[in-house]
């Protein structure tokens, strides 16, 4: 028998108990060992559950029990999760987590501790919920040099944008609906401001390129300023707006990383990813594009990924899996305006005809966009691909003629 402890009994934690209980026999066969939940740590009481006798409130009981070999952390947040996980690893216990904030902020340090102690620190569920991505990247695509990772990494924002695109909803109305359906939290800021997607692209980039990428290094913009007019302009261009997380390895080894709303052409596979679904594209030098698709959250999908990691820990109890990245450095990720992209530019102008002439003279081959929803005295266009700092410099030079309302990258 293999004893584990679960820290947290919220949505994911209760799902982990459910999966381990419901699929007990099959999991035991796959792990070649019976997995027993010895403790569940939570500050709340659950007296009506059939396993209420497993609940404890003192973390030290788990820490000091040599029979507990794997600890599942599904509390979320950094405190006290970071302290608890670090202590578990130092005490000789492998850890499985779904906590994207923890892995994005402290993953490199915790992986180093796990390595030094011949333990596992696994986090498949931290990106994409039930979508397999960490294991395929670290194993199945290991022969590739990863060139780029990009994708739709947050189901809440994708749902909101889908409603704005398909049903003409405003951002505010779509957010209210997302809350009513349980897709958005009471405080949705981590989703709609891009923080959740940022943490996920940090984890994927760290894994793919071998050095820790911190959220503070990644330029992040959410979808709160996207309007129905932007959606209409994107449709006139032949595309949609998606919140995209992106990490590209440059020739000098540095990374271009960002999270931002971008225009995506209708013939791009990401354009058809709707509702609460996520999609992650990994570009390898040998495989080309490989896309991972599915619901990126949810009680049982996320719990499924957590339990898969528990099974891996049981199977590799005396021989750790190789999952590791090195520490990053200050300018490992370039400033966002040093990246290259074509840009969507929406402006106010008093003289559209003069502005169009000057824009062509300044940028060259631009594509002007027109839609019936456009307010008067606006001009909107797509620039040629170029360094974003140079595009911004050119726009600034036209300040007497144009007032820039919004810019967005074009997703390739």
Protein backbone atom coordinates (compact mmCIF):
# COMPACT_ATOMS: atom_id res chain seq x y z
CA UNK A 1 0.00 0.00 0.00
CA UNK A 2 1.20 3.48 -0.93
CA UNK A 3 0.08 6.32 1.34
CA UNK A 4 -0.54 9.83 0.06
CA UNK A 5 -1.86 13.06 1.58
CA UNK A 6 -3.97 15.72 -0.12
CA UNK A 7 -3.61 19.38 0.88
CA UNK A 8 -6.84 21.17 0.02
CA UNK A 9 -10.40 19.93 -0.45
CA UNK A 10 -11.84 22.49 -2.83
CA UNK A 11 -13.00 21.81 -6.37
CA UNK A 12 -9.84 20.05 -7.52
CA UNK A 13 -9.05 18.37 -4.18
CA UNK A 14 -12.48 16.81 -3.90
CA UNK A 15 -12.16 15.74 -7.53
CA UNK A 16 -8.88 13.98 -6.78
CA UNK A 17 -10.57 12.03 -3.97
CA UNK A 18 -13.46 11.17 -6.30
CA UNK A 19 -11.21 9.90 -9.10
CA UNK A 20 -9.01 7.88 -6.74
CA UNK A 21 -12.09 6.34 -5.10
CA UNK A 22 -14.17 5.70 -8.21
CA UNK A 23 -11.30 4.27 -10.26
CA UNK A 24 -9.47 2.64 -7.36
CA UNK A 25 -8.93 -0.80 -8.90
CA UNK A 26 -7.81 0.45 -12.30
CA UNK A 27 -5.45 3.00 -10.76
CA UNK A 28 -3.93 0.34 -8.52
CA UNK A 29 -3.29 -1.86 -11.55
CA UNK A 30 -1.65 0.98 -13.48
CA UNK A 31 0.46 2.04 -10.50
CA UNK A 32 1.28 -1.57 -9.57
CA UNK A 33 0.38 -0.55 -6.02
CA UNK A 34 -2.72 0.29 -4.03
CA UNK A 35 -2.95 4.03 -3.38
CA UNK A 36 -4.40 5.02 -0.01
CA UNK A 37 -5.42 8.54 0.97
CA UNK A 38 -4.17 8.76 4.55
CA UNK A 39 -4.80 12.46 5.23
CA UNK A 40 -6.71 15.39 3.74
CA UNK A 41 -5.57 18.78 5.02
CA UNK A 42 -8.21 21.53 5.17
CA UNK A 43 -9.15 24.21 7.69
CA UNK A 44 -12.85 23.42 7.16
CA UNK A 45 -14.89 20.51 8.53
CA UNK A 46 -16.67 18.00 6.29
CA UNK A 47 -18.57 15.83 8.78
CA UNK A 48 -21.07 14.42 6.28
CA UNK A 49 -18.56 12.90 3.86
CA UNK A 50 -17.92 9.15 3.93
CA UNK A 51 -14.21 9.86 4.35
CA UNK A 52 -14.55 12.58 7.01
CA UNK A 53 -12.20 10.65 9.31
CA UNK A 54 -9.27 11.48 7.00
CA UNK A 55 -9.45 15.26 7.54
CA UNK A 56 -6.79 17.04 9.59
CA UNK A 57 -5.96 20.70 10.20
CA UNK A 58 -2.30 20.38 11.23
CA UNK A 59 0.20 20.29 8.35
CA UNK A 60 2.91 18.91 10.64
CA UNK A 61 1.04 15.60 10.87
CA UNK A 62 1.69 15.07 7.16
CA UNK A 63 5.23 16.42 7.33
CA UNK A 64 6.26 14.14 10.19
CA UNK A 65 4.60 10.93 8.99
CA UNK A 66 7.21 8.74 7.26
CA UNK A 67 4.46 6.58 5.76
CA UNK A 68 3.30 9.44 3.53
CA UNK A 69 5.49 9.31 0.46
CA UNK A 70 3.56 11.59 -1.93
CA UNK A 71 1.77 14.84 -1.12
CA UNK A 72 -0.82 16.39 -3.45
CA UNK A 73 -1.01 20.19 -3.21
CA UNK A 74 -4.30 21.59 -4.58
CA UNK A 75 -4.75 24.59 -2.28
CA UNK A 76 -3.76 27.21 -4.86
CA UNK A 77 -1.90 30.47 -4.33
CA UNK A 78 1.62 30.94 -3.01
CA UNK A 79 0.98 31.05 0.72
CA UNK A 80 1.08 28.66 2.47
CA UNK A 81 1.45 26.35 -0.56
CA UNK A 82 5.08 27.28 -1.27
CA UNK A 83 6.18 26.77 2.32
CA UNK A 84 4.32 23.46 2.64
CA UNK A 85 5.58 22.06 -0.67
CA UNK A 86 9.17 23.06 0.02
CA UNK A 87 9.06 21.44 3.47
CA UNK A 88 7.57 18.24 2.02
CA UNK A 89 10.34 17.96 -0.57
CA UNK A 90 13.04 18.62 2.04
CA UNK A 91 11.42 15.93 4.22
CA UNK A 92 11.76 13.33 1.46
CA UNK A 93 8.23 13.39 0.06
CA UNK A 94 7.46 13.77 -3.66
CA UNK A 95 4.87 16.43 -4.51
CA UNK A 96 2.17 16.68 -7.17
CA UNK A 97 0.47 20.04 -7.73
CA UNK A 98 -2.09 21.73 -9.94
CA UNK A 99 -1.00 25.16 -8.69
CA UNK A 100 0.06 27.24 -11.71
CA UNK A 101 0.92 30.27 -9.58
CA UNK A 102 3.30 28.19 -7.49
CA UNK A 103 5.02 26.54 -10.47
CA UNK A 104 5.34 29.80 -12.43
CA UNK A 105 6.88 31.65 -9.47
CA UNK A 106 8.86 28.92 -7.69
CA UNK A 107 9.08 25.97 -10.09
CA UNK A 108 12.81 26.20 -10.74
CA UNK A 109 13.67 26.27 -7.06
CA UNK A 110 11.33 23.38 -6.20
CA UNK A 111 12.59 21.27 -9.10
CA UNK A 112 16.14 21.81 -7.85
CA UNK A 113 15.20 20.64 -4.35
CA UNK A 114 13.42 17.60 -5.80
CA UNK A 115 16.51 16.78 -7.89
CA UNK A 116 18.87 17.09 -4.91
CA UNK A 117 16.67 14.73 -2.89
CA UNK A 118 15.97 12.23 -5.70
CA UNK A 119 12.26 13.06 -5.60
CA UNK A 120 9.57 14.07 -8.04
CA UNK A 121 7.88 17.45 -8.32
CA UNK A 122 5.16 16.99 -10.96
CA UNK A 123 2.60 19.51 -12.23
CA UNK A 124 0.78 18.23 -15.31
CA UNK A 125 -2.48 19.82 -14.13
CA UNK A 126 -0.95 23.30 -13.78
CA UNK A 127 -1.36 24.03 -17.51
CA UNK A 128 -4.45 23.07 -19.45
CA UNK A 129 -6.27 21.22 -16.68
CA UNK A 130 -7.00 17.80 -18.14
CA UNK A 131 -5.22 18.49 -21.46
CA UNK A 132 -1.98 16.46 -21.54
CA UNK A 133 0.82 18.93 -22.30
CA UNK A 134 3.67 18.77 -19.73
CA UNK A 135 4.31 15.06 -20.19
CA UNK A 136 4.09 15.13 -24.03
CA UNK A 137 6.47 18.09 -24.17
CA UNK A 138 9.00 16.55 -21.79
CA UNK A 139 8.82 13.04 -23.26
CA UNK A 140 7.08 12.63 -26.61
CA UNK A 141 8.57 15.80 -28.14
CA UNK A 142 11.94 15.47 -26.39
CA UNK A 143 13.81 14.86 -29.67
CA UNK A 144 12.68 18.23 -31.03
CA UNK A 145 14.17 21.65 -30.65
CA UNK A 146 11.09 23.66 -29.73
CA UNK A 147 10.86 26.82 -31.80
CA UNK A 148 7.68 28.38 -30.50
CA UNK A 149 4.72 27.81 -28.21
CA UNK A 150 1.50 29.72 -28.60
CA UNK A 151 -2.10 29.22 -27.75
CA UNK A 152 -5.37 29.96 -26.04
CA UNK A 153 -4.54 29.24 -22.42
CA UNK A 154 -7.58 30.52 -20.52
CA UNK A 155 -11.08 29.16 -20.97
CA UNK A 156 -12.88 32.05 -19.23
CA UNK A 157 -11.54 34.71 -21.58
CA UNK A 158 -12.10 32.48 -24.60
CA UNK A 159 -15.74 32.02 -23.55
CA UNK A 160 -16.19 35.80 -23.18
CA UNK A 161 -14.60 36.51 -26.57
CA UNK A 162 -16.71 33.77 -28.19
CA UNK A 163 -19.89 35.43 -26.91
CA UNK A 164 -18.68 38.83 -28.16
CA UNK A 165 -17.87 37.34 -31.58
CA UNK A 166 -20.83 34.99 -32.11
CA UNK A 167 -23.62 36.82 -30.28
CA UNK A 168 -22.53 40.45 -30.35
CA UNK A 169 -22.37 40.70 -26.56
CA UNK A 170 -20.45 43.44 -24.84
CA UNK A 171 -17.50 42.45 -22.68
CA UNK A 172 -19.44 43.33 -19.51
CA UNK A 173 -22.49 41.25 -20.47
CA UNK A 174 -20.36 38.27 -21.50
CA UNK A 175 -18.50 38.44 -18.19
CA UNK A 176 -21.78 38.44 -16.25
CA UNK A 177 -22.87 35.32 -18.18
CA UNK A 178 -19.51 33.64 -17.51
CA UNK A 179 -20.01 34.22 -13.80
CA UNK A 180 -23.58 32.88 -13.92
CA UNK A 181 -22.38 29.68 -15.62
CA UNK A 182 -19.52 29.20 -13.17
CA UNK A 183 -16.78 29.86 -15.73
CA UNK A 184 -15.58 33.05 -14.02
CA UNK A 185 -14.77 33.64 -10.36
CA UNK A 186 -16.43 36.38 -8.31
CA UNK A 187 -13.12 38.22 -8.78
CA UNK A 188 -12.25 37.42 -12.41
CA UNK A 189 -9.17 39.64 -12.62
CA UNK A 190 -6.64 36.80 -12.89
CA UNK A 191 -8.46 35.60 -15.99
CA UNK A 192 -9.59 38.77 -17.77
CA UNK A 193 -6.36 40.67 -17.10
CA UNK A 194 -4.26 37.83 -18.52
CA UNK A 195 -2.46 36.77 -15.31
CA UNK A 196 -3.64 33.15 -15.51
CA UNK A 197 -2.49 32.80 -19.12
CA UNK A 198 0.81 34.48 -18.22
CA UNK A 199 1.56 31.90 -15.52
CA UNK A 200 0.83 29.08 -17.96
CA UNK A 201 3.03 30.42 -20.76
CA UNK A 202 5.82 30.89 -18.19
CA UNK A 203 5.61 27.21 -17.23
CA UNK A 204 5.52 26.05 -20.86
CA UNK A 205 8.39 28.31 -21.90
CA UNK A 206 10.51 27.21 -18.92
CA UNK A 207 9.94 23.58 -19.83
CA UNK A 208 10.42 24.01 -23.57
CA UNK A 209 13.51 26.21 -23.51
CA UNK A 210 15.20 24.99 -20.34
CA UNK A 211 15.37 28.17 -18.24
CA UNK A 212 12.92 29.66 -15.77
CA UNK A 213 10.70 32.39 -17.13
CA UNK A 214 9.07 34.51 -14.43
CA UNK A 215 5.66 36.19 -14.80
CA UNK A 216 7.26 39.57 -14.12
CA UNK A 217 9.32 39.14 -17.32
CA UNK A 218 6.31 38.63 -19.59
CA UNK A 219 4.39 41.60 -20.96
CA UNK A 220 0.75 40.84 -20.15
CA UNK A 221 -2.46 42.45 -21.35
CA UNK A 222 -5.97 41.17 -20.81
CA UNK A 223 -9.22 41.54 -22.74
CA UNK A 224 -11.01 44.19 -20.67
CA UNK A 225 -10.49 46.89 -23.33
CA UNK A 226 -11.73 44.83 -26.27
CA UNK A 227 -14.95 46.29 -27.70
CA UNK A 228 -17.59 45.14 -30.16
CA UNK A 229 -16.06 47.54 -32.70
CA UNK A 230 -12.71 45.73 -32.47
CA UNK A 231 -14.56 42.44 -32.99
CA UNK A 232 -16.25 43.89 -36.08
CA UNK A 233 -12.98 45.16 -37.52
CA UNK A 234 -11.42 41.71 -36.98
CA UNK A 235 -14.35 40.08 -38.80
CA UNK A 236 -13.97 42.52 -41.71
CA UNK A 237 -10.29 41.56 -41.88
CA UNK A 238 -11.30 37.88 -42.02
CA UNK A 239 -10.50 36.82 -38.49
CA UNK A 240 -11.31 36.88 -34.78
CA UNK A 241 -9.75 38.19 -31.57
CA UNK A 242 -8.23 35.67 -29.15
CA UNK A 243 -6.20 36.06 -25.98
CA UNK A 244 -2.91 34.45 -26.97
CA UNK A 245 0.05 33.41 -24.85
CA UNK A 246 3.21 33.18 -26.91
CA UNK A 247 6.88 32.27 -26.39
CA UNK A 248 9.39 32.27 -29.25
CA UNK A 249 13.07 31.32 -29.05
CA UNK A 250 15.24 33.84 -30.88
CA UNK A 251 18.52 33.18 -32.65
CA UNK A 252 20.58 34.53 -29.73
CA UNK A 253 18.86 32.15 -27.30
CA UNK A 254 16.68 34.79 -25.69
CA UNK A 255 12.90 34.63 -25.71
CA UNK A 256 10.12 36.81 -27.02
CA UNK A 257 7.18 36.16 -24.65
CA UNK A 258 3.87 37.92 -24.25
CA UNK A 259 0.22 37.48 -23.37
CA UNK A 260 -2.17 39.75 -25.24
CA UNK A 261 -5.34 39.86 -27.33
CA UNK A 262 -4.37 39.26 -30.95
CA UNK A 263 -6.10 39.10 -34.31
CA UNK A 264 -6.19 35.56 -35.68
CA UNK A 265 -7.06 34.77 -39.31
CA UNK A 266 -9.99 32.44 -39.92
CA UNK A 267 -7.71 29.91 -41.63
CA UNK A 268 -5.55 29.64 -38.49
CA UNK A 269 -6.43 26.56 -36.45
CA UNK A 270 -6.68 28.66 -33.28
CA UNK A 271 -9.52 30.77 -34.71
CA UNK A 272 -12.01 27.90 -34.43
CA UNK A 273 -11.28 27.21 -30.75
CA UNK A 274 -14.40 28.51 -29.03
CA UNK A 275 -16.29 28.53 -25.75
CA UNK A 276 -14.26 27.39 -22.68
CA UNK A 277 -11.85 25.28 -24.72
CA UNK A 278 -8.07 25.77 -24.73
CA UNK A 279 -5.60 24.99 -27.48
CA UNK A 280 -1.81 24.93 -27.28
CA UNK A 281 0.37 24.78 -30.40
CA UNK A 282 3.93 23.52 -30.00
CA UNK A 283 6.23 24.11 -32.99
CA UNK A 284 9.11 21.69 -33.16
CA UNK A 285 11.90 21.54 -35.73
CA UNK A 286 11.11 17.90 -36.50
CA UNK A 287 7.36 17.62 -35.94
CA UNK A 288 6.20 21.00 -37.15
CA UNK A 289 3.00 22.15 -35.44
CA UNK A 290 1.40 19.87 -32.83
CA UNK A 291 -1.82 21.10 -31.21
CA UNK A 292 -3.22 20.05 -27.83
CA UNK A 293 -6.93 20.81 -27.44
CA UNK A 294 -9.60 20.40 -24.77
CA UNK A 295 -11.27 21.96 -21.77
CA UNK A 296 -8.56 23.69 -19.79
CA UNK A 297 -10.20 23.47 -16.39
CA UNK A 298 -12.94 21.70 -14.47
CA UNK A 299 -13.10 19.49 -11.43
CA UNK A 300 -12.65 16.03 -12.94
CA UNK A 301 -10.42 16.89 -15.95
CA UNK A 302 -7.95 18.63 -13.64
CA UNK A 303 -8.21 15.87 -11.04
CA UNK A 304 -7.49 13.32 -13.77
CA UNK A 305 -4.19 15.03 -14.56
CA UNK A 306 -3.29 15.24 -10.85
CA UNK A 307 -3.97 11.53 -10.32
CA UNK A 308 -1.91 10.64 -13.41
CA UNK A 309 1.03 12.42 -11.77
CA UNK A 310 0.39 10.54 -8.52
CA UNK A 311 0.56 7.26 -10.45
CA UNK A 312 3.85 8.41 -11.99
CA UNK A 313 5.24 9.18 -8.52
CA UNK A 314 4.26 5.74 -7.26
CA UNK A 315 5.84 4.04 -10.26
CA UNK A 316 9.01 6.14 -9.97
CA UNK A 317 9.34 6.20 -6.21
CA UNK A 318 12.98 5.17 -6.25
CA UNK A 319 13.98 6.62 -9.64
CA UNK A 320 12.90 10.21 -10.21
CA UNK A 321 11.51 11.33 -13.54
CA UNK A 322 13.69 13.85 -15.34
CA UNK A 323 11.70 17.07 -15.31
CA UNK A 324 13.91 20.09 -14.81
CA UNK A 325 14.93 23.56 -15.96
CA UNK A 326 17.75 25.92 -15.05
CA UNK A 327 17.47 29.33 -13.45
CA UNK A 328 16.72 32.20 -15.83
CA UNK A 329 18.41 35.59 -15.89
CA UNK A 330 17.41 39.25 -15.97
CA UNK A 331 17.28 39.90 -19.73
CA UNK A 332 16.46 36.33 -20.78
CA UNK A 333 13.10 37.63 -22.08
CA UNK A 334 13.38 40.62 -24.40
CA UNK A 335 11.31 43.77 -23.91
CA UNK A 336 7.95 43.33 -25.58
CA UNK A 337 8.46 46.17 -28.04
CA UNK A 338 11.62 44.49 -29.37
CA UNK A 339 9.58 41.63 -30.81
CA UNK A 340 8.33 41.54 -34.38
CA UNK A 341 4.73 41.39 -35.58
CA UNK A 342 2.26 42.93 -37.95
CA UNK A 343 -0.03 45.24 -35.98
CA UNK A 344 -3.71 46.15 -35.93
CA UNK A 345 -3.94 49.92 -35.40
CA UNK A 346 -7.20 51.76 -34.68
CA UNK A 347 -7.12 55.55 -34.60
CA UNK A 348 -9.20 58.70 -34.49
CA UNK A 349 -8.54 61.31 -37.13
CA UNK A 350 -10.16 64.54 -38.29
CA UNK A 351 -9.25 63.92 -41.94
CA UNK A 352 -9.46 60.28 -43.07
CA UNK A 353 -8.30 60.97 -46.64
CA UNK A 354 -5.17 62.82 -45.56
CA UNK A 355 -4.51 60.26 -42.84
CA UNK A 356 -4.72 57.36 -45.34
CA UNK A 357 -2.15 59.03 -47.60
CA UNK A 358 0.26 59.74 -44.76
CA UNK A 359 -0.17 56.22 -43.33
CA UNK A 360 0.75 54.69 -46.71
CA UNK A 361 3.74 56.98 -47.03
CA UNK A 362 4.90 56.08 -43.51
CA UNK A 363 4.23 52.33 -43.39
CA UNK A 364 4.18 51.26 -47.04
CA UNK A 365 1.86 48.37 -47.89
CA UNK A 366 -0.90 48.65 -45.28
CA UNK A 367 -4.36 47.06 -45.29
CA UNK A 368 -7.20 49.41 -44.34
CA UNK A 369 -10.19 47.91 -42.53
CA UNK A 370 -13.81 49.02 -42.83
CA UNK A 371 -16.92 47.96 -40.92
CA UNK A 372 -20.41 49.42 -40.51
CA UNK A 373 -19.99 49.50 -36.71
CA UNK A 374 -17.05 51.89 -36.94
CA UNK A 375 -17.59 55.27 -35.28
CA UNK A 376 -17.16 58.41 -37.35
CA UNK A 377 -13.68 59.84 -37.75
CA UNK A 378 -11.86 56.54 -37.29
CA UNK A 379 -9.27 54.92 -39.48
CA UNK A 380 -8.06 51.37 -38.87
CA UNK A 381 -5.32 49.44 -40.63
CA UNK A 382 -2.92 46.49 -40.50
CA UNK A 383 0.78 47.33 -40.72
CA UNK A 384 3.42 45.19 -42.43
CA UNK A 385 5.37 42.97 -40.06
CA UNK A 386 8.16 44.78 -38.28
CA UNK A 387 9.77 45.48 -34.94
CA UNK A 388 7.05 46.74 -32.62
CA UNK A 389 9.24 49.57 -31.31
CA UNK A 390 9.68 50.85 -34.89
CA UNK A 391 5.95 50.64 -35.57
CA UNK A 392 5.26 52.58 -32.37
CA UNK A 393 7.88 55.16 -33.35
CA UNK A 394 6.17 55.70 -36.70
CA UNK A 395 2.79 56.03 -35.03
CA UNK A 396 4.19 58.60 -32.63
CA UNK A 397 5.49 60.62 -35.57
CA UNK A 398 1.91 60.88 -36.84
CA UNK A 399 0.60 62.16 -33.53
CA UNK A 400 -0.58 65.48 -34.99
CA UNK A 401 -2.83 63.60 -37.41
CA UNK A 402 -3.79 60.43 -35.55
CA UNK A 403 -4.93 59.61 -32.03
CA UNK A 404 -4.21 55.92 -31.46
CA UNK A 405 -7.11 54.14 -29.74
CA UNK A 406 -5.79 50.60 -29.74
CA UNK A 407 -3.06 48.38 -31.15
CA UNK A 408 -2.92 44.58 -31.22
CA UNK A 409 -0.50 42.05 -32.62
CA UNK A 410 -1.44 39.84 -35.54
CA UNK A 411 -1.01 36.16 -34.57
CA UNK A 412 0.86 34.12 -37.17
